[in-house]
Protein backbone atom coordinates (compact mmCIF):
# COMPACT_ATOMS: atom_id res chain seq x y z
CA UNK A 1 42.52 62.75 -26.10
CA UNK A 2 44.30 60.54 -23.54
CA UNK A 3 41.75 61.30 -20.82
CA UNK A 4 38.83 60.50 -23.11
CA UNK A 5 40.41 57.18 -24.08
CA UNK A 6 41.13 56.39 -20.42
CA UNK A 7 37.48 57.04 -19.56
CA UNK A 8 36.26 54.86 -22.43
CA UNK A 9 38.54 52.05 -21.22
CA UNK A 10 36.82 52.26 -17.84
CA UNK A 11 33.35 52.21 -19.41
CA UNK A 12 34.13 49.15 -21.55
CA UNK A 13 34.81 47.14 -18.37
CA UNK A 14 31.10 47.47 -17.57
CA UNK A 15 29.38 47.33 -20.97
CA UNK A 16 30.14 47.12 -24.66
CA UNK A 17 26.94 48.34 -26.36
CA UNK A 18 26.59 48.60 -30.12
CA UNK A 19 25.72 52.29 -29.80
CA UNK A 20 27.79 53.46 -26.80
CA UNK A 21 27.45 57.24 -27.06
CA UNK A 22 24.96 59.98 -27.79
CA UNK A 23 25.85 63.63 -28.25
CA UNK A 24 23.62 66.69 -28.22
CA UNK A 25 23.63 70.23 -26.90
CA UNK A 26 27.40 70.12 -26.26
CA UNK A 27 27.07 67.05 -24.04
CA UNK A 28 28.45 63.55 -24.61
CA UNK A 29 26.34 60.80 -23.05
CA UNK A 30 27.58 57.25 -22.35
CA UNK A 31 24.79 54.77 -22.86
CA UNK A 32 24.00 51.50 -21.04
CA UNK A 33 26.45 51.96 -18.16
CA UNK A 34 24.52 52.59 -14.95
CA UNK A 35 25.90 54.10 -11.75
CA UNK A 36 25.38 50.90 -9.75
CA UNK A 37 27.48 48.93 -12.27
CA UNK A 38 30.57 51.10 -11.71
CA UNK A 39 32.89 50.62 -8.74
CA UNK A 40 33.38 53.57 -6.40
CA UNK A 41 37.04 53.79 -7.47
CA UNK A 42 36.12 53.95 -11.16
CA UNK A 43 33.31 56.41 -10.46
CA UNK A 44 35.80 58.74 -8.75
CA UNK A 45 38.25 58.34 -11.63
CA UNK A 46 35.52 59.08 -14.20
CA UNK A 47 34.65 62.24 -12.29
CA UNK A 48 38.32 63.25 -12.43
CA UNK A 49 38.33 62.55 -16.18
CA UNK A 50 35.31 64.78 -16.78
CA UNK A 51 32.39 62.33 -16.71
CA UNK A 52 29.61 62.93 -14.21
CA UNK A 53 26.66 60.71 -13.32
CA UNK A 54 23.34 62.39 -14.07
CA UNK A 55 20.33 61.12 -12.13
CA UNK A 56 18.08 63.17 -14.41
CA UNK A 57 19.46 61.62 -17.60
CA UNK A 58 20.18 58.21 -16.06
CA UNK A 59 23.66 58.00 -17.56
CA UNK A 60 27.19 59.31 -17.39
CA UNK A 61 27.73 62.54 -19.26
CA UNK A 62 30.48 65.00 -20.06
CA UNK A 63 30.45 68.63 -21.07
CA UNK A 64 34.20 68.44 -21.68
CA UNK A 65 33.99 66.00 -24.59
CA UNK A 66 30.61 66.98 -26.00
CA UNK A 67 31.70 70.04 -27.93
CA UNK A 68 34.69 71.28 -29.86
């Protein structure tokens, strides 16, 4: 849970949308935070925390937090 919260704290630095997440097919998507908004340091930290940038989806996503 700590790593998920840490990742969400990084995302909130860049956007605070009303509907921040979307989940389907065992994948958690973070909405309205684009790759070019995120610093290289935070991008590396998000990768370490289990969130990857998806060019195909146009958002950050995680397989780690998308399913139980």
